[in-house]
Amino acid sequence: METWYYEVVQIDGDYAHLRRIDVESEDLKLVARALLPPEIVEGSRLKYELFQYTLTD
């Protein structure tokens, strides 16, 4: 299983816009906030592994 890293670019109501930071990409991924840790803010960094998002340093 792969591990991907994202940064929260924008929080928009019940959704968050994520940008992948482990590879060069300007594409944003729209993810329901219910799938993300509740304490995220814009600028938070996330690890996606085994279908789960967790906060990183």
PDB file of N, CA and C in Angstrom:
ATOM      1  N   MET A   1       0.843  -1.172   0.000  1.00  0.00           N
ATOM      2  CA  MET A   1       0.000   0.000   0.000  1.00  0.00           C
ATOM      3  C   MET A   1       0.893   1.242   0.000  1.00  0.00           C
ATOM      4  N   GLU A   2       0.548   2.230  -0.799  1.00  0.00           N
ATOM      5  CA  GLU A   2       1.331   3.449  -0.907  1.00  0.00           C
ATOM      6  C   GLU A   2       0.974   4.454   0.182  1.00  0.00           C
ATOM      7  N   THR A   3       1.895   5.349   0.449  1.00  0.00           N
ATOM      8  CA  THR A   3       1.671   6.450   1.377  1.00  0.00           C
ATOM      9  C   THR A   3       1.800   7.751   0.608  1.00  0.00           C
ATOM     10  N   TRP A   4       0.815   8.646   0.758  1.00  0.00           N
ATOM     11  CA  TRP A   4       0.826   9.936   0.079  1.00  0.00           C
ATOM     12  C   TRP A   4       0.733  11.036   1.118  1.00  0.00           C
ATOM     13  N   TYR A   5       1.303  12.193   0.809  1.00  0.00           N
ATOM     14  CA  TYR A   5       1.294  13.334   1.716  1.00  0.00           C
ATOM     15  C   TYR A   5       0.586  14.512   1.060  1.00  0.00           C
ATOM     16  N   TYR A   6      -0.235  15.193   1.860  1.00  0.00           N
ATOM     17  CA  TYR A   6      -1.036  16.314   1.371  1.00  0.00           C
ATOM     18  C   TYR A   6      -0.916  17.503   2.308  1.00  0.00           C
ATOM     19  N   GLU A   7      -1.210  18.681   1.757  1.00  0.00           N
ATOM     20  CA  GLU A   7      -1.353  19.898   2.553  1.00  0.00           C
ATOM     21  C   GLU A   7      -2.770  20.413   2.353  1.00  0.00           C
ATOM     22  N   VAL A   8      -3.395  20.863   3.435  1.00  0.00           N
ATOM     23  CA  VAL A   8      -4.733  21.449   3.347  1.00  0.00           C
ATOM     24  C   VAL A   8      -4.569  22.864   2.810  1.00  0.00           C
ATOM     25  N   VAL A   9      -5.076  23.102   1.613  1.00  0.00           N
ATOM     26  CA  VAL A   9      -4.950  24.401   0.967  1.00  0.00           C
ATOM     27  C   VAL A   9      -6.102  25.308   1.366  1.00  0.00           C
ATOM     28  N   GLN A  10      -7.315  24.743   1.412  1.00  0.00           N
ATOM     29  CA  GLN A  10      -8.495  25.549   1.717  1.00  0.00           C
ATOM     30  C   GLN A  10      -9.550  24.673   2.354  1.00  0.00           C
ATOM     31  N   ILE A  11     -10.240  25.234   3.340  1.00  0.00           N
ATOM     32  CA  ILE A  11     -11.390  24.560   3.935  1.00  0.00           C
ATOM     33  C   ILE A  11     -12.625  25.292   3.459  1.00  0.00           C
ATOM     34  N   ASP A  12     -13.558  24.544   2.887  1.00  0.00           N
ATOM     35  CA  ASP A  12     -14.744  25.125   2.265  1.00  0.00           C
ATOM     36  C   ASP A  12     -15.970  24.391   2.791  1.00  0.00           C
ATOM     37  N   GLY A  13     -16.469  24.819   3.956  1.00  0.00           N
ATOM     38  CA  GLY A  13     -17.648  24.177   4.545  1.00  0.00           C
ATOM     39  C   GLY A  13     -17.347  22.754   4.958  1.00  0.00           C
ATOM     40  N   ASP A  14     -18.062  21.801   4.369  1.00  0.00           N
ATOM     41  CA  ASP A  14     -17.903  20.387   4.705  1.00  0.00           C
ATOM     42  C   ASP A  14     -16.804  19.699   3.904  1.00  0.00           C
ATOM     43  N   TYR A  15     -16.044  20.468   3.130  1.00  0.00           N
ATOM     44  CA  TYR A  15     -15.007  19.902   2.277  1.00  0.00           C
ATOM     45  C   TYR A  15     -13.683  20.618   2.483  1.00  0.00           C
ATOM     46  N   ALA A  16     -12.608  19.939   2.144  1.00  0.00           N
ATOM     47  CA  ALA A  16     -11.276  20.535   2.182  1.00  0.00           C
ATOM     48  C   ALA A  16     -10.587  20.267   0.850  1.00  0.00           C
ATOM     49  N   HIS A  17      -9.836  21.246   0.390  1.00  0.00           N
ATOM     50  CA  HIS A  17      -9.059  21.121  -0.834  1.00  0.00           C
ATOM     51  C   HIS A  17      -7.638  20.757  -0.428  1.00  0.00           C
ATOM     52  N   LEU A  18      -7.156  19.627  -0.923  1.00  0.00           N
ATOM     53  CA  LEU A  18      -5.830  19.133  -0.572  1.00  0.00           C
ATOM     54  C   LEU A  18      -4.916  19.156  -1.788  1.00  0.00           C
ATOM     55  N   ARG A  19      -3.636  19.503  -1.548  1.00  0.00           N
ATOM     56  CA  ARG A  19      -2.626  19.451  -2.606  1.00  0.00           C
ATOM     57  C   ARG A  19      -1.583  18.431  -2.196  1.00  0.00           C
ATOM     58  N   ARG A  20      -1.254  17.563  -3.111  1.00  0.00           N
ATOM     59  CA  ARG A  20      -0.237  16.550  -2.843  1.00  0.00           C
ATOM     60  C   ARG A  20       1.128  17.207  -2.770  1.00  0.00           C
ATOM     61  N   ILE A  21       1.914  16.890  -1.726  1.00  0.00           N
ATOM     62  CA  ILE A  21       3.199  17.555  -1.521  1.00  0.00           C
ATOM     63  C   ILE A  21       4.388  16.613  -1.655  1.00  0.00           C
ATOM     64  N   ASP A  22       4.150  15.333  -1.843  1.00  0.00           N
ATOM     65  CA  ASP A  22       5.265  14.400  -2.002  1.00  0.00           C
ATOM     66  C   ASP A  22       5.692  14.248  -3.452  1.00  0.00           C
ATOM     67  N   VAL A  23       4.924  14.821  -4.375  1.00  0.00           N
ATOM     68  CA  VAL A  23       5.271  14.858  -5.802  1.00  0.00           C
ATOM     69  C   VAL A  23       4.893  16.238  -6.327  1.00  0.00           C
ATOM     70  N   GLU A  24       5.477  16.635  -7.444  1.00  0.00           N
ATOM     71  CA  GLU A  24       5.134  17.913  -8.056  1.00  0.00           C
ATOM     72  C   GLU A  24       3.723  17.838  -8.619  1.00  0.00           C
ATOM     73  N   SER A  25       2.823  18.652  -8.067  1.00  0.00           N
ATOM     74  CA  SER A  25       1.451  18.670  -8.563  1.00  0.00           C
ATOM     75  C   SER A  25       0.771  19.956  -8.132  1.00  0.00           C
ATOM     76  N   GLU A  26       0.057  20.557  -9.040  1.00  0.00           N
ATOM     77  CA  GLU A  26      -0.755  21.727  -8.721  1.00  0.00           C
ATOM     78  C   GLU A  26      -2.232  21.354  -8.615  1.00  0.00           C
ATOM     79  N   ASP A  27      -2.558  20.097  -8.893  1.00  0.00           N
ATOM     80  CA  ASP A  27      -3.938  19.639  -8.826  1.00  0.00           C
ATOM     81  C   ASP A  27      -4.404  19.599  -7.376  1.00  0.00           C
ATOM     82  N   LEU A  28      -5.679  19.942  -7.171  1.00  0.00           N
ATOM     83  CA  LEU A  28      -6.272  19.879  -5.849  1.00  0.00           C
ATOM     84  C   LEU A  28      -7.253  18.726  -5.788  1.00  0.00           C
ATOM     85  N   LYS A  29      -7.323  18.109  -4.628  1.00  0.00           N
ATOM     86  CA  LYS A  29      -8.230  16.991  -4.394  1.00  0.00           C
ATOM     87  C   LYS A  29      -9.279  17.469  -3.400  1.00  0.00           C
ATOM     88  N   LEU A  30     -10.548  17.303  -3.720  1.00  0.00           N
ATOM     89  CA  LEU A  30     -11.641  17.688  -2.847  1.00  0.00           C
ATOM     90  C   LEU A  30     -12.020  16.491  -1.981  1.00  0.00           C
ATOM     91  N   VAL A  31     -11.946  16.664  -0.655  1.00  0.00           N
ATOM     92  CA  VAL A  31     -12.201  15.570   0.280  1.00  0.00           C
ATOM     93  C   VAL A  31     -13.206  16.038   1.325  1.00  0.00           C
ATOM     94  N   ALA A  32     -14.172  15.186   1.634  1.00  0.00           N
ATOM     95  CA  ALA A  32     -15.144  15.500   2.682  1.00  0.00           C
ATOM     96  C   ALA A  32     -14.429  15.590   4.029  1.00  0.00           C
ATOM     97  N   ARG A  33     -14.750  16.624   4.802  1.00  0.00           N
ATOM     98  CA  ARG A  33     -14.090  16.815   6.098  1.00  0.00           C
ATOM     99  C   ARG A  33     -14.381  15.691   7.067  1.00  0.00           C
ATOM    100  N   ALA A  34     -15.464  14.980   6.857  1.00  0.00           N
ATOM    101  CA  ALA A  34     -15.792  13.838   7.723  1.00  0.00           C
ATOM    102  C   ALA A  34     -14.728  12.752   7.625  1.00  0.00           C
ATOM    103  N   LEU A  35     -13.953  12.726   6.548  1.00  0.00           N
ATOM    104  CA  LEU A  35     -12.894  11.733   6.367  1.00  0.00           C
ATOM    105  C   LEU A  35     -11.552  12.195   6.923  1.00  0.00           C
ATOM    106  N   LEU A  36     -11.480  13.452   7.354  1.00  0.00           N
ATOM    107  CA  LEU A  36     -10.227  14.048   7.809  1.00  0.00           C
ATOM    108  C   LEU A  36     -10.236  14.238   9.320  1.00  0.00           C
ATOM    109  N   PRO A  37      -9.059  14.353   9.930  1.00  0.00           N
ATOM    110  CA  PRO A  37      -9.018  14.624  11.372  1.00  0.00           C
ATOM    111  C   PRO A  37      -9.754  15.936  11.677  1.00  0.00           C
ATOM    112  N   PRO A  38     -10.518  16.005  12.748  1.00  0.00           N
ATOM    113  CA  PRO A  38     -11.333  17.199  13.037  1.00  0.00           C
ATOM    114  C   PRO A  38     -10.521  18.447  13.350  1.00  0.00           C
ATOM    115  N   GLU A  39      -9.273  18.318  13.761  1.00  0.00           N
ATOM    116  CA  GLU A  39      -8.474  19.467  14.158  1.00  0.00           C
ATOM    117  C   GLU A  39      -7.693  20.113  13.017  1.00  0.00           C
ATOM    118  N   ILE A  40      -7.969  19.752  11.762  1.00  0.00           N
ATOM    119  CA  ILE A  40      -7.232  20.343  10.642  1.00  0.00           C
ATOM    120  C   ILE A  40      -7.550  21.826  10.502  1.00  0.00           C
ATOM    121  N   VAL A  41      -6.564  22.568  10.013  1.00  0.00           N
ATOM    122  CA  VAL A  41      -6.718  23.963   9.625  1.00  0.00           C
ATOM    123  C   VAL A  41      -5.986  24.123   8.295  1.00  0.00           C
ATOM    124  N   GLU A  42      -6.204  25.253   7.642  1.00  0.00           N
ATOM    125  CA  GLU A  42      -5.475  25.494   6.404  1.00  0.00           C
ATOM    126  C   GLU A  42      -3.988  25.500   6.699  1.00  0.00           C
ATOM    127  N   GLY A  43      -3.227  24.776   5.918  1.00  0.00           N
ATOM    128  CA  GLY A  43      -1.794  24.638   6.129  1.00  0.00           C
ATOM    129  C   GLY A  43      -1.403  23.342   6.823  1.00  0.00           C
ATOM    130  N   SER A  44      -2.386  22.618   7.373  1.00  0.00           N
ATOM    131  CA  SER A  44      -2.088  21.333   8.013  1.00  0.00           C
ATOM    132  C   SER A  44      -1.536  20.365   6.989  1.00  0.00           C
ATOM    133  N   ARG A  45      -0.662  19.482   7.447  1.00  0.00           N
ATOM    134  CA  ARG A  45      -0.103  18.444   6.574  1.00  0.00           C
ATOM    135  C   ARG A  45      -0.654  17.093   7.009  1.00  0.00           C
ATOM    136  N   LEU A  46      -1.032  16.311   6.014  1.00  0.00           N
ATOM    137  CA  LEU A  46      -1.675  15.032   6.259  1.00  0.00           C
ATOM    138  C   LEU A  46      -0.929  13.902   5.575  1.00  0.00           C
ATOM    139  N   LYS A  47      -1.009  12.746   6.181  1.00  0.00           N
ATOM    140  CA  LYS A  47      -0.497  11.516   5.576  1.00  0.00           C
ATOM    141  C   LYS A  47      -1.703  10.652   5.247  1.00  0.00           C
ATOM    142  N   TYR A  48      -1.750  10.119   4.020  1.00  0.00           N
ATOM    143  CA  TYR A  48      -2.829   9.232   3.596  1.00  0.00           C
ATOM    144  C   TYR A  48      -2.241   7.843   3.413  1.00  0.00           C
ATOM    145  N   GLU A  49      -2.704   6.914   4.239  1.00  0.00           N
ATOM    146  CA  GLU A  49      -2.190   5.555   4.205  1.00  0.00           C
ATOM    147  C   GLU A  49      -3.290   4.615   4.668  1.00  0.00           C
ATOM    148  N   LEU A  50      -3.439   3.504   3.974  1.00  0.00           N
ATOM    149  CA  LEU A  50      -4.462   2.507   4.314  1.00  0.00           C
ATOM    150  C   LEU A  50      -5.849   3.133   4.409  1.00  0.00           C
ATOM    151  N   PHE A  51      -6.180   4.004   3.438  1.00  0.00           N
ATOM    152  CA  PHE A  51      -7.492   4.652   3.333  1.00  0.00           C
ATOM    153  C   PHE A  51      -7.817   5.538   4.525  1.00  0.00           C
ATOM    154  N   GLN A  52      -6.789   6.104   5.162  1.00  0.00           N
ATOM    155  CA  GLN A  52      -6.988   6.910   6.352  1.00  0.00           C
ATOM    156  C   GLN A  52      -6.053   8.126   6.320  1.00  0.00           C
ATOM    157  N   TYR A  53      -6.583   9.295   6.702  1.00  0.00           N
ATOM    158  CA  TYR A  53      -5.804  10.515   6.787  1.00  0.00           C
ATOM    159  C   TYR A  53      -5.402  10.752   8.239  1.00  0.00           C
ATOM    160  N   THR A  54      -4.122  11.085   8.466  1.00  0.00           N
ATOM    161  CA  THR A  54      -3.645  11.431   9.803  1.00  0.00           C
ATOM    162  C   THR A  54      -2.788  12.678   9.702  1.00  0.00           C
ATOM    163  N   LEU A  55      -2.775  13.487  10.762  1.00  0.00           N
ATOM    164  CA  LEU A  55      -1.947  14.687  10.808  1.00  0.00           C
ATOM    165  C   LEU A  55      -0.484  14.329  10.953  1.00  0.00           C
ATOM    166  N   THR A  56       0.384  15.100  10.279  1.00  0.00           N
ATOM    167  CA  THR A  56       1.829  14.936  10.443  1.00  0.00           C
ATOM    168  C   THR A  56       2.385  16.239  10.971  1.00  0.00           C
ATOM    169  N   ASP A  57       3.650  16.243  11.315  1.00  0.00           N
ATOM    170  CA  ASP A  57       4.291  17.471  11.830  1.00  0.00           C
ATOM    171  C   ASP A  57       4.473  18.490  10.753  1.00  0.00           C
TER     172      ASP A  57
END
